[in-house]
C-alpha atoms as a PDB file:
ATOM      1  CA  UNK A   1       0.050   0.047  -0.119  1.00  0.00           C
ATOM      2  CA  UNK A   2       2.603   2.609   1.039  1.00  0.00           C
ATOM      3  CA  UNK A   3       5.126   1.487  -1.469  1.00  0.00           C
ATOM      4  CA  UNK A   4       3.465   3.857  -3.837  1.00  0.00           C
ATOM      5  CA  UNK A   5       3.731   6.700  -1.445  1.00  0.00           C
ATOM      6  CA  UNK A   6       6.675   9.099  -2.579  1.00  0.00           C
ATOM      7  CA  UNK A   7       9.360  10.723  -0.121  1.00  0.00           C
ATOM      8  CA  UNK A   8       8.257  14.099  -1.303  1.00  0.00           C
ATOM      9  CA  UNK A   9       4.676  13.354  -0.304  1.00  0.00           C
ATOM     10  CA  UNK A  10       5.835  12.242   3.078  1.00  0.00           C
ATOM     11  CA  UNK A  11       7.650  15.356   3.520  1.00  0.00           C
ATOM     12  CA  UNK A  12       4.794  17.280   2.655  1.00  0.00           C
ATOM     13  CA  UNK A  13       2.836  15.431   5.359  1.00  0.00           C
ATOM     14  CA  UNK A  14       5.458  16.114   7.928  1.00  0.00           C
ATOM     15  CA  UNK A  15       5.258  19.617   7.298  1.00  0.00           C
ATOM     16  CA  UNK A  16       1.393  19.586   7.435  1.00  0.00           C
ATOM     17  CA  UNK A  17       1.697  18.055  11.012  1.00  0.00           C
ATOM     18  CA  UNK A  18       4.260  20.648  12.045  1.00  0.00           C
ATOM     19  CA  UNK A  19       2.069  23.771  10.838  1.00  0.00           C
ATOM     20  CA  UNK A  20      -1.403  22.240  11.162  1.00  0.00           C
ATOM     21  CA  UNK A  21      -2.231  24.721   8.315  1.00  0.00           C
ATOM     22  CA  UNK A  22      -2.425  23.776   4.500  1.00  0.00           C
ATOM     23  CA  UNK A  23      -1.445  27.149   3.348  1.00  0.00           C
ATOM     24  CA  UNK A  24       1.435  27.618   5.936  1.00  0.00           C
ATOM     25  CA  UNK A  25       2.717  24.183   5.172  1.00  0.00           C
ATOM     26  CA  UNK A  26       2.507  24.810   1.403  1.00  0.00           C
ATOM     27  CA  UNK A  27       4.317  28.155   1.657  1.00  0.00           C
ATOM     28  CA  UNK A  28       7.014  26.477   3.703  1.00  0.00           C
ATOM     29  CA  UNK A  29       7.376  23.781   0.901  1.00  0.00           C
ATOM     30  CA  UNK A  30       7.504  26.461  -1.902  1.00  0.00           C
ATOM     31  CA  UNK A  31       4.160  25.189  -3.284  1.00  0.00           C
ATOM     32  CA  UNK A  32       0.690  26.525  -4.126  1.00  0.00           C
ATOM     33  CA  UNK A  33      -1.889  25.388  -1.686  1.00  0.00           C
ATOM     34  CA  UNK A  34      -3.887  23.621  -4.237  1.00  0.00           C
ATOM     35  CA  UNK A  35      -0.784  21.687  -5.452  1.00  0.00           C
ATOM     36  CA  UNK A  36      -0.024  20.791  -1.811  1.00  0.00           C
ATOM     37  CA  UNK A  37      -3.528  19.815  -1.343  1.00  0.00           C
ATOM     38  CA  UNK A  38      -3.378  17.406  -4.381  1.00  0.00           C
ATOM     39  CA  UNK A  39      -0.213  15.649  -3.175  1.00  0.00           C
ATOM     40  CA  UNK A  40      -1.874  15.029   0.415  1.00  0.00           C
ATOM     41  CA  UNK A  41      -4.944  13.825  -1.030  1.00  0.00           C
ATOM     42  CA  UNK A  42      -2.960  11.316  -3.321  1.00  0.00           C
ATOM     43  CA  UNK A  43      -1.188   9.987  -0.174  1.00  0.00           C
ATOM     44  CA  UNK A  44      -4.202   9.650   1.654  1.00  0.00           C
ATOM     45  CA  UNK A  45      -5.624   7.511  -1.326  1.00  0.00           C
ATOM     46  CA  UNK A  46      -2.512   5.256  -1.255  1.00  0.00           C
ATOM     47  CA  UNK A  47      -2.860   4.897   2.493  1.00  0.00           C
ATOM     48  CA  UNK A  48      -6.632   4.198   2.005  1.00  0.00           C
ATOM     49  CA  UNK A  49      -7.935   6.311   4.652  1.00  0.00           C
ATOM     50  CA  UNK A  50      -8.130  10.251   5.326  1.00  0.00           C
ATOM     51  CA  UNK A  51      -4.989  11.809   6.982  1.00  0.00           C
ATOM     52  CA  UNK A  52      -6.435  15.010   8.220  1.00  0.00           C
ATOM     53  CA  UNK A  53      -9.674  16.531   9.051  1.00  0.00           C
ATOM     54  CA  UNK A  54     -11.076  20.197   9.950  1.00  0.00           C
ATOM     55  CA  UNK A  55     -12.314  20.749  13.434  1.00  0.00           C
ATOM     56  CA  UNK A  56     -14.016  23.770  13.578  1.00  0.00           C
ATOM     57  CA  UNK A  57     -11.402  26.182  11.987  1.00  0.00           C
ATOM     58  CA  UNK A  58      -8.433  23.918  12.551  1.00  0.00           C
ATOM     59  CA  UNK A  59      -6.815  21.413  10.701  1.00  0.00           C
ATOM     60  CA  UNK A  60      -5.949  18.348  12.766  1.00  0.00           C
ATOM     61  CA  UNK A  61      -4.267  15.029  11.581  1.00  0.00           C
ATOM     62  CA  UNK A  62      -6.474  11.790  12.054  1.00  0.00           C
ATOM     63  CA  UNK A  63      -5.036   8.931  13.980  1.00  0.00           C
ATOM     64  CA  UNK A  64      -3.789   7.262  10.851  1.00  0.00           C
ATOM     65  CA  UNK A  65      -2.164  10.834   9.732  1.00  0.00           C
ATOM     66  CA  UNK A  66      -0.359  10.886  12.965  1.00  0.00           C
ATOM     67  CA  UNK A  67       0.917   7.458  12.501  1.00  0.00           C
ATOM     68  CA  UNK A  68       1.874   8.173   9.049  1.00  0.00           C
ATOM     69  CA  UNK A  69       3.475  11.412   9.839  1.00  0.00           C
ATOM     70  CA  UNK A  70       5.576   9.966  12.879  1.00  0.00           C
ATOM     71  CA  UNK A  71       6.863   7.312  10.332  1.00  0.00           C
ATOM     72  CA  UNK A  72       7.638   9.995   7.968  1.00  0.00           C
ATOM     73  CA  UNK A  73       9.689  12.073  10.354  1.00  0.00           C
ATOM     74  CA  UNK A  74      11.722   8.929  11.276  1.00  0.00           C
ATOM     75  CA  UNK A  75      12.430   8.144   7.638  1.00  0.00           C
ATOM     76  CA  UNK A  76      13.257  11.815   6.864  1.00  0.00           C
ATOM     77  CA  UNK A  77      15.401  12.096   9.933  1.00  0.00           C
ATOM     78  CA  UNK A  78      17.527   8.867   8.933  1.00  0.00           C
ATOM     79  CA  UNK A  79      17.823   9.902   5.508  1.00  0.00           C
ATOM     80  CA  UNK A  80      19.189  13.485   6.624  1.00  0.00           C
ATOM     81  CA  UNK A  81      21.523  11.644   8.787  1.00  0.00           C
ATOM     82  CA  UNK A  82      22.662   9.413   5.953  1.00  0.00           C
ATOM     83  CA  UNK A  83      23.176  12.440   3.792  1.00  0.00           C
ATOM     84  CA  UNK A  84      25.256  13.891   6.504  1.00  0.00           C
ATOM     85  CA  UNK A  85      27.465  10.772   6.660  1.00  0.00           C
ATOM     86  CA  UNK A  86      27.832  10.752   2.849  1.00  0.00           C
ATOM     87  CA  UNK A  87      28.834  14.358   2.818  1.00  0.00           C
ATOM     88  CA  UNK A  88      31.497  13.756   5.556  1.00  0.00           C
ATOM     89  CA  UNK A  89      32.998  10.936   3.413  1.00  0.00           C
ATOM     90  CA  UNK A  90      32.933  13.435   0.473  1.00  0.00           C
ATOM     91  CA  UNK A  91      34.236  16.360   2.328  1.00  0.00           C
ATOM     92  CA  UNK A  92      32.922  19.861   1.626  1.00  0.00           C
ATOM     93  CA  UNK A  93      32.554  19.189  -2.136  1.00  0.00           C
ATOM     94  CA  UNK A  94      28.797  18.476  -1.621  1.00  0.00           C
ATOM     95  CA  UNK A  95      26.160  19.450   0.979  1.00  0.00           C
ATOM     96  CA  UNK A  96      24.141  22.695   1.702  1.00  0.00           C
ATOM     97  CA  UNK A  97      23.583  25.115   4.537  1.00  0.00           C
ATOM     98  CA  UNK A  98      20.293  26.392   5.851  1.00  0.00           C
ATOM     99  CA  UNK A  99      20.547  29.551   7.391  1.00  0.00           C
ATOM    100  CA  UNK A 100      18.079  32.044   8.902  1.00  0.00           C
ATOM    101  CA  UNK A 101      18.893  35.373  10.340  1.00  0.00           C
ATOM    102  CA  UNK A 102      17.483  38.550  11.709  1.00  0.00           C
ATOM    103  CA  UNK A 103      16.927  41.260   9.044  1.00  0.00           C
ATOM    104  CA  UNK A 104      19.772  43.649  10.608  1.00  0.00           C
ATOM    105  CA  UNK A 105      22.334  40.919  10.021  1.00  0.00           C
ATOM    106  CA  UNK A 106      22.006  41.171   6.132  1.00  0.00           C
ATOM    107  CA  UNK A 107      24.006  44.283   6.539  1.00  0.00           C
ATOM    108  CA  UNK A 108      27.355  42.358   7.206  1.00  0.00           C
ATOM    109  CA  UNK A 109      26.299  38.738   6.864  1.00  0.00           C
ATOM    110  CA  UNK A 110      25.803  38.696   3.106  1.00  0.00           C
ATOM    111  CA  UNK A 111      29.605  39.500   2.582  1.00  0.00           C
ATOM    112  CA  UNK A 112      30.511  36.623   4.880  1.00  0.00           C
ATOM    113  CA  UNK A 113      28.100  34.478   3.025  1.00  0.00           C
ATOM    114  CA  UNK A 114      29.452  35.659  -0.327  1.00  0.00           C
ATOM    115  CA  UNK A 115      33.019  34.820   0.641  1.00  0.00           C
ATOM    116  CA  UNK A 116      32.080  31.443   1.920  1.00  0.00           C
ATOM    117  CA  UNK A 117      30.173  30.748  -1.400  1.00  0.00           C
ATOM    118  CA  UNK A 118      33.138  31.754  -3.491  1.00  0.00           C
ATOM    119  CA  UNK A 119      35.548  29.500  -1.404  1.00  0.00           C
ATOM    120  CA  UNK A 120      32.965  26.328  -1.466  1.00  0.00           C
ATOM    121  CA  UNK A 121      31.136  27.002  -4.948  1.00  0.00           C
ATOM    122  CA  UNK A 122      29.550  23.234  -4.673  1.00  0.00           C
ATOM    123  CA  UNK A 123      27.753  24.149  -1.357  1.00  0.00           C
ATOM    124  CA  UNK A 124      24.120  25.034  -1.800  1.00  0.00           C
ATOM    125  CA  UNK A 125      23.024  27.894   0.511  1.00  0.00           C
ATOM    126  CA  UNK A 126      19.593  28.508   1.486  1.00  0.00           C
ATOM    127  CA  UNK A 127      18.946  31.651   3.457  1.00  0.00           C
ATOM    128  CA  UNK A 128      15.936  33.124   5.166  1.00  0.00           C
ATOM    129  CA  UNK A 129      15.768  36.767   6.403  1.00  0.00           C
ATOM    130  CA  UNK A 130      12.936  37.214   9.146  1.00  0.00           C
ATOM    131  CA  UNK A 131      12.156  38.980  12.279  1.00  0.00           C
ATOM    132  CA  UNK A 132      12.864  37.446  15.817  1.00  0.00           C
ATOM    133  CA  UNK A 133       9.491  35.974  16.489  1.00  0.00           C
ATOM    134  CA  UNK A 134       9.890  34.083  12.977  1.00  0.00           C
ATOM    135  CA  UNK A 135      13.416  32.936  14.022  1.00  0.00           C
ATOM    136  CA  UNK A 136      11.983  31.490  17.152  1.00  0.00           C
ATOM    137  CA  UNK A 137       9.108  29.713  15.177  1.00  0.00           C
ATOM    138  CA  UNK A 138      11.752  28.405  12.761  1.00  0.00           C
ATOM    139  CA  UNK A 139      13.814  27.051  15.769  1.00  0.00           C
ATOM    140  CA  UNK A 140      10.919  25.276  17.286  1.00  0.00           C
ATOM    141  CA  UNK A 141      10.175  23.511  13.818  1.00  0.00           C
ATOM    142  CA  UNK A 142      13.951  22.856  13.312  1.00  0.00           C
ATOM    143  CA  UNK A 143      13.718  24.197   9.965  1.00  0.00           C
ATOM    144  CA  UNK A 144      17.357  25.421   9.399  1.00  0.00           C
ATOM    145  CA  UNK A 145      21.127  24.502  10.452  1.00  0.00           C
ATOM    146  CA  UNK A 146      22.176  27.911  11.916  1.00  0.00           C
ATOM    147  CA  UNK A 147      20.679  31.269  12.854  1.00  0.00           C
ATOM    148  CA  UNK A 148      22.092  34.634  13.285  1.00  0.00           C
ATOM    149  CA  UNK A 149      20.467  36.810  15.878  1.00  0.00           C
ATOM    150  CA  UNK A 150      21.177  39.567  18.424  1.00  0.00           C
ATOM    151  CA  UNK A 151      19.851  37.878  21.310  1.00  0.00           C
ATOM    152  CA  UNK A 152      19.795  34.089  22.034  1.00  0.00           C
ATOM    153  CA  UNK A 153      16.394  32.702  23.234  1.00  0.00           C
ATOM    154  CA  UNK A 154      16.163  31.777  26.760  1.00  0.00           C
ATOM    155  CA  UNK A 155      13.097  29.559  26.225  1.00  0.00           C
ATOM    156  CA  UNK A 156      14.753  27.016  23.942  1.00  0.00           C
ATOM    157  CA  UNK A 157      17.820  24.701  24.344  1.00  0.00           C
ATOM    158  CA  UNK A 158      20.389  26.248  22.318  1.00  0.00           C
ATOM    159  CA  UNK A 159      24.166  26.567  21.655  1.00  0.00           C
ATOM    160  CA  UNK A 160      24.846  30.330  21.081  1.00  0.00           C
ATOM    161  CA  UNK A 161      28.397  31.499  19.942  1.00  0.00           C
ATOM    162  CA  UNK A 162      28.995  35.111  19.933  1.00  0.00           C
ATOM    163  CA  UNK A 163      31.186  36.183  16.834  1.00  0.00           C
ATOM    164  CA  UNK A 164      30.850  39.963  16.175  1.00  0.00           C
ATOM    165  CA  UNK A 165      30.032  43.130  18.036  1.00  0.00           C
ATOM    166  CA  UNK A 166      26.477  44.878  17.351  1.00  0.00           C
ATOM    167  CA  UNK A 167      26.639  48.399  18.534  1.00  0.00           C
ATOM    168  CA  UNK A 168      23.296  50.236  18.824  1.00  0.00           C
ATOM    169  CA  UNK A 169      23.310  53.901  18.338  1.00  0.00           C
ATOM    170  CA  UNK A 170      20.942  56.733  18.180  1.00  0.00           C
ATOM    171  CA  UNK A 171      20.147  57.892  14.708  1.00  0.00           C
ATOM    172  CA  UNK A 172      18.644  61.217  13.435  1.00  0.00           C
ATOM    173  CA  UNK A 173      18.092  63.076  10.054  1.00  0.00           C
ATOM    174  CA  UNK A 174      20.869  64.956   8.873  1.00  0.00           C
ATOM    175  CA  UNK A 175      19.261  68.156   9.481  1.00  0.00           C
ATOM    176  CA  UNK A 176      18.223  67.652  13.129  1.00  0.00           C
ATOM    177  CA  UNK A 177      19.581  70.222  15.677  1.00  0.00           C
ATOM    178  CA  UNK A 178      21.157  67.547  17.825  1.00  0.00           C
ATOM    179  CA  UNK A 179      23.484  66.418  15.039  1.00  0.00           C
ATOM    180  CA  UNK A 180      25.682  69.396  15.899  1.00  0.00           C
ATOM    181  CA  UNK A 181      25.679  68.657  19.683  1.00  0.00           C
ATOM    182  CA  UNK A 182      28.451  66.835  21.401  1.00  0.00           C
ATOM    183  CA  UNK A 183      28.169  64.615  24.562  1.00  0.00           C
ATOM    184  CA  UNK A 184      24.493  64.728  24.620  1.00  0.00           C
ATOM    185  CA  UNK A 185      22.928  63.593  28.064  1.00  0.00           C
ATOM    186  CA  UNK A 186      20.229  60.982  27.658  1.00  0.00           C
ATOM    187  CA  UNK A 187      17.946  63.649  29.436  1.00  0.00           C
ATOM    188  CA  UNK A 188      18.111  65.700  26.321  1.00  0.00           C
ATOM    189  CA  UNK A 189      16.192  62.915  24.552  1.00  0.00           C
ATOM    190  CA  UNK A 190      13.342  62.776  26.809  1.00  0.00           C
ATOM    191  CA  UNK A 191      11.092  65.231  24.625  1.00  0.00           C
ATOM    192  CA  UNK A 192      12.268  63.851  21.246  1.00  0.00           C
ATOM    193  CA  UNK A 193       9.829  61.535  19.499  1.00  0.00           C
ATOM    194  CA  UNK A 194      11.001  58.005  18.912  1.00  0.00           C
ATOM    195  CA  UNK A 195      10.648  55.628  16.184  1.00  0.00           C
ATOM    196  CA  UNK A 196      10.517  52.175  17.719  1.00  0.00           C
ATOM    197  CA  UNK A 197      11.011  48.622  16.336  1.00  0.00           C
ATOM    198  CA  UNK A 198       7.979  46.152  16.990  1.00  0.00           C
ATOM    199  CA  UNK A 199       7.476  44.525  20.444  1.00  0.00           C
ATOM    200  CA  UNK A 200       9.719  41.552  21.036  1.00  0.00           C
ATOM    201  CA  UNK A 201      12.573  42.506  18.858  1.00  0.00           C
ATOM    202  CA  UNK A 202      15.976  42.609  20.360  1.00  0.00           C
ATOM    203  CA  UNK A 203      16.501  46.114  19.408  1.00  0.00           C
ATOM    204  CA  UNK A 204      13.391  47.211  20.997  1.00  0.00           C
ATOM    205  CA  UNK A 205      14.084  45.464  24.321  1.00  0.00           C
ATOM    206  CA  UNK A 206      17.396  47.102  24.431  1.00  0.00           C
ATOM    207  CA  UNK A 207      15.651  50.536  23.538  1.00  0.00           C
ATOM    208  CA  UNK A 208      13.348  50.143  26.442  1.00  0.00           C
ATOM    209  CA  UNK A 209      16.202  49.210  28.879  1.00  0.00           C
ATOM    210  CA  UNK A 210      18.126  52.249  27.909  1.00  0.00           C
ATOM    211  CA  UNK A 211      15.160  54.522  28.575  1.00  0.00           C
ATOM    212  CA  UNK A 212      14.550  52.850  31.825  1.00  0.00           C
ATOM    213  CA  UNK A 213      18.133  52.964  32.978  1.00  0.00           C
ATOM    214  CA  UNK A 214      18.304  56.925  32.318  1.00  0.00           C
ATOM    215  CA  UNK A 215      14.677  57.585  33.630  1.00  0.00           C
ATOM    216  CA  UNK A 216      13.042  58.908  30.664  1.00  0.00           C
ATOM    217  CA  UNK A 217      10.139  58.282  28.682  1.00  0.00           C
ATOM    218  CA  UNK A 218      10.354  59.882  24.998  1.00  0.00           C
ATOM    219  CA  UNK A 219       7.115  60.005  23.168  1.00  0.00           C
ATOM    220  CA  UNK A 220       6.817  57.155  20.496  1.00  0.00           C
ATOM    221  CA  UNK A 221       6.040  58.562  17.214  1.00  0.00           C
ATOM    222  CA  UNK A 222       5.494  55.175  15.595  1.00  0.00           C
ATOM    223  CA  UNK A 223       6.397  51.492  15.669  1.00  0.00           C
ATOM    224  CA  UNK A 224       7.730  49.959  12.548  1.00  0.00           C
ATOM    225  CA  UNK A 225       8.680  46.187  11.743  1.00  0.00           C
ATOM    226  CA  UNK A 226      11.933  46.614   9.933  1.00  0.00           C
ATOM    227  CA  UNK A 227      15.092  48.584  10.094  1.00  0.00           C
ATOM    228  CA  UNK A 228      15.028  49.676   6.473  1.00  0.00           C
ATOM    229  CA  UNK A 229      11.462  51.393   7.021  1.00  0.00           C
ATOM    230  CA  UNK A 230      12.643  52.772  10.373  1.00  0.00           C
ATOM    231  CA  UNK A 231      15.651  54.330   8.531  1.00  0.00           C
ATOM    232  CA  UNK A 232      13.340  56.021   5.902  1.00  0.00           C
ATOM    233  CA  UNK A 233      11.210  57.399   8.771  1.00  0.00           C
ATOM    234  CA  UNK A 234      14.177  58.926  10.556  1.00  0.00           C
ATOM    235  CA  UNK A 235      15.645  60.249   7.288  1.00  0.00           C
ATOM    236  CA  UNK A 236      12.305  62.041   6.709  1.00  0.00           C
ATOM    237  CA  UNK A 237      12.581  63.708  10.041  1.00  0.00           C
ATOM    238  CA  UNK A 238       9.665  61.804  11.724  1.00  0.00           C
ATOM    239  CA  UNK A 239      11.913  61.181  14.925  1.00  0.00           C
ATOM    240  CA  UNK A 240      14.961  59.535  16.327  1.00  0.00           C
ATOM    241  CA  UNK A 241      15.602  55.836  16.399  1.00  0.00           C
ATOM    242  CA  UNK A 242      18.063  53.414  18.338  1.00  0.00           C
ATOM    243  CA  UNK A 243      19.345  50.995  15.654  1.00  0.00           C
ATOM    244  CA  UNK A 244      22.312  48.757  15.097  1.00  0.00           C
ATOM    245  CA  UNK A 245      25.455  50.711  13.622  1.00  0.00           C
ATOM    246  CA  UNK A 246      25.383  48.143  10.834  1.00  0.00           C
ATOM    247  CA  UNK A 247      22.308  49.701   9.236  1.00  0.00           C
ATOM    248  CA  UNK A 248      24.717  52.455   8.096  1.00  0.00           C
ATOM    249  CA  UNK A 249      26.921  50.101   6.421  1.00  0.00           C
ATOM    250  CA  UNK A 250      25.312  50.357   2.928  1.00  0.00           C
ATOM    251  CA  UNK A 251      24.686  54.153   3.270  1.00  0.00           C
ATOM    252  CA  UNK A 252      28.156  55.219   2.976  1.00  0.00           C
ATOM    253  CA  UNK A 253      27.260  57.466   0.191  1.00  0.00           C
ATOM    254  CA  UNK A 254      24.247  59.225   1.590  1.00  0.00           C
ATOM    255  CA  UNK A 255      23.876  62.127   4.020  1.00  0.00           C
ATOM    256  CA  UNK A 256      20.323  61.411   5.205  1.00  0.00           C
ATOM    257  CA  UNK A 257      21.172  60.034   8.565  1.00  0.00           C
ATOM    258  CA  UNK A 258      23.490  60.841  11.331  1.00  0.00           C
ATOM    259  CA  UNK A 259      24.580  58.990  14.506  1.00  0.00           C
ATOM    260  CA  UNK A 260      24.151  61.263  17.402  1.00  0.00           C
ATOM    261  CA  UNK A 261      26.842  61.654  20.150  1.00  0.00           C
ATOM    262  CA  UNK A 262      25.003  60.274  23.125  1.00  0.00           C
ATOM    263  CA  UNK A 263      26.357  59.753  26.469  1.00  0.00           C
ATOM    264  CA  UNK A 264      26.020  55.943  27.472  1.00  0.00           C
ATOM    265  CA  UNK A 265      26.147  55.076  23.671  1.00  0.00           C
ATOM    266  CA  UNK A 266      26.800  52.853  21.802  1.00  0.00           C
ATOM    267  CA  UNK A 267      24.902  50.050  23.646  1.00  0.00           C
ATOM    268  CA  UNK A 268      27.363  47.283  23.032  1.00  0.00           C
ATOM    269  CA  UNK A 269      25.489  44.014  22.067  1.00  0.00           C
ATOM    270  CA  UNK A 270      26.719  40.860  20.245  1.00  0.00           C
ATOM    271  CA  UNK A 271      25.772  39.024  17.231  1.00  0.00           C
ATOM    272  CA  UNK A 272      25.418  35.316  17.974  1.00  0.00           C
ATOM    273  CA  UNK A 273      25.422  32.180  15.719  1.00  0.00           C
ATOM    274  CA  UNK A 274      23.014  29.903  17.247  1.00  0.00           C
ATOM    275  CA  UNK A 275      21.845  26.404  16.742  1.00  0.00           C
ATOM    276  CA  UNK A 276      19.688  23.793  18.602  1.00  0.00           C
ATOM    277  CA  UNK A 277      21.581  21.957  21.341  1.00  0.00           C
ATOM    278  CA  UNK A 278      22.008  18.440  20.311  1.00  0.00           C
ATOM    279  CA  UNK A 279      21.801  19.035  16.564  1.00  0.00           C
ATOM    280  CA  UNK A 280      24.076  17.342  14.323  1.00  0.00           C
ATOM    281  CA  UNK A 281      25.585  19.984  12.037  1.00  0.00           C
ATOM    282  CA  UNK A 282      26.553  19.084   8.539  1.00  0.00           C
ATOM    283  CA  UNK A 283      30.112  19.433   7.233  1.00  0.00           C
ATOM    284  CA  UNK A 284      28.949  22.319   5.207  1.00  0.00           C
ATOM    285  CA  UNK A 285      27.193  24.003   8.279  1.00  0.00           C
ATOM    286  CA  UNK A 286      30.183  23.327  10.508  1.00  0.00           C
ATOM    287  CA  UNK A 287      32.295  24.872   7.785  1.00  0.00           C
ATOM    288  CA  UNK A 288      30.141  27.978   7.707  1.00  0.00           C
ATOM    289  CA  UNK A 289      30.111  28.396  11.467  1.00  0.00           C
ATOM    290  CA  UNK A 290      33.978  28.352  11.369  1.00  0.00           C
ATOM    291  CA  UNK A 291      33.627  31.203   8.931  1.00  0.00           C
ATOM    292  CA  UNK A 292      31.647  33.142  11.668  1.00  0.00           C
ATOM    293  CA  UNK A 293      34.071  32.174  14.272  1.00  0.00           C
ATOM    294  CA  UNK A 294      36.898  33.795  12.237  1.00  0.00           C
ATOM    295  CA  UNK A 295      34.790  36.875  11.726  1.00  0.00           C
ATOM    296  CA  UNK A 296      34.894  37.243  15.617  1.00  0.00           C
ATOM    297  CA  UNK A 297      38.562  36.793  15.600  1.00  0.00           C
ATOM    298  CA  UNK A 298      38.886  39.658  13.041  1.00  0.00           C
ATOM    299  CA  UNK A 299      36.251  41.781  14.936  1.00  0.00           C
END
């Protein structure tokens, strides 16, 4: 019966078991929802029994679906381990790296990735650039080999290796009056409107700790979900923002933003290379981790 089931279909069912959403699982597997649904339906026909059902608004696997999904996970895990063992026999000539990182990291990490790919052209590199909540979600579902983030999660069992400084600074539009000031005391920022990152982001948490430490409560002009939109809002004169100094790395030719000379700044944080504790990294993933460690030595 199951001899006609394909490995691809079993991977799809495993994704459906994780996500409990046809749409989300299809997106994860880079498929349309319709195509994903057809494959799951064909797998159910092969098994001779429904594999999922809808309870209210939620999709749940049937008992048969859970049994098949558990077997699929075991099979996929064994095949992944086999792939790692074969890759170890072949060295770094084959294999791949799955990396997810916080959006801010792209300002420096793309250079490291480029150097790595040029040194190892046969290695496939899959990259996801997401926010912190999405990183944590991907960790829980074990979707990637490595993660680059500014603050390792306390709620998950992970290995976190610091490899580069991540200084946070106060940014203002180039024509802001404070741009000419020296040794600005934090109290001078109390009346300035600030543009904040979304709740839960590491930058937002560091900003709130800075405000609390200096007993100031600047007004919030707006809350934005990315560094790029925050930069644009600051450049437009809508307010100040605390962001990583790395966001200025690609703006060396522009005069739209300025780093303010604020006492107590920069807030020194670190970038971390993170992976799940107990996870067996492939030779390619270990090699990229070594690349990040070398960046730490140069920093």
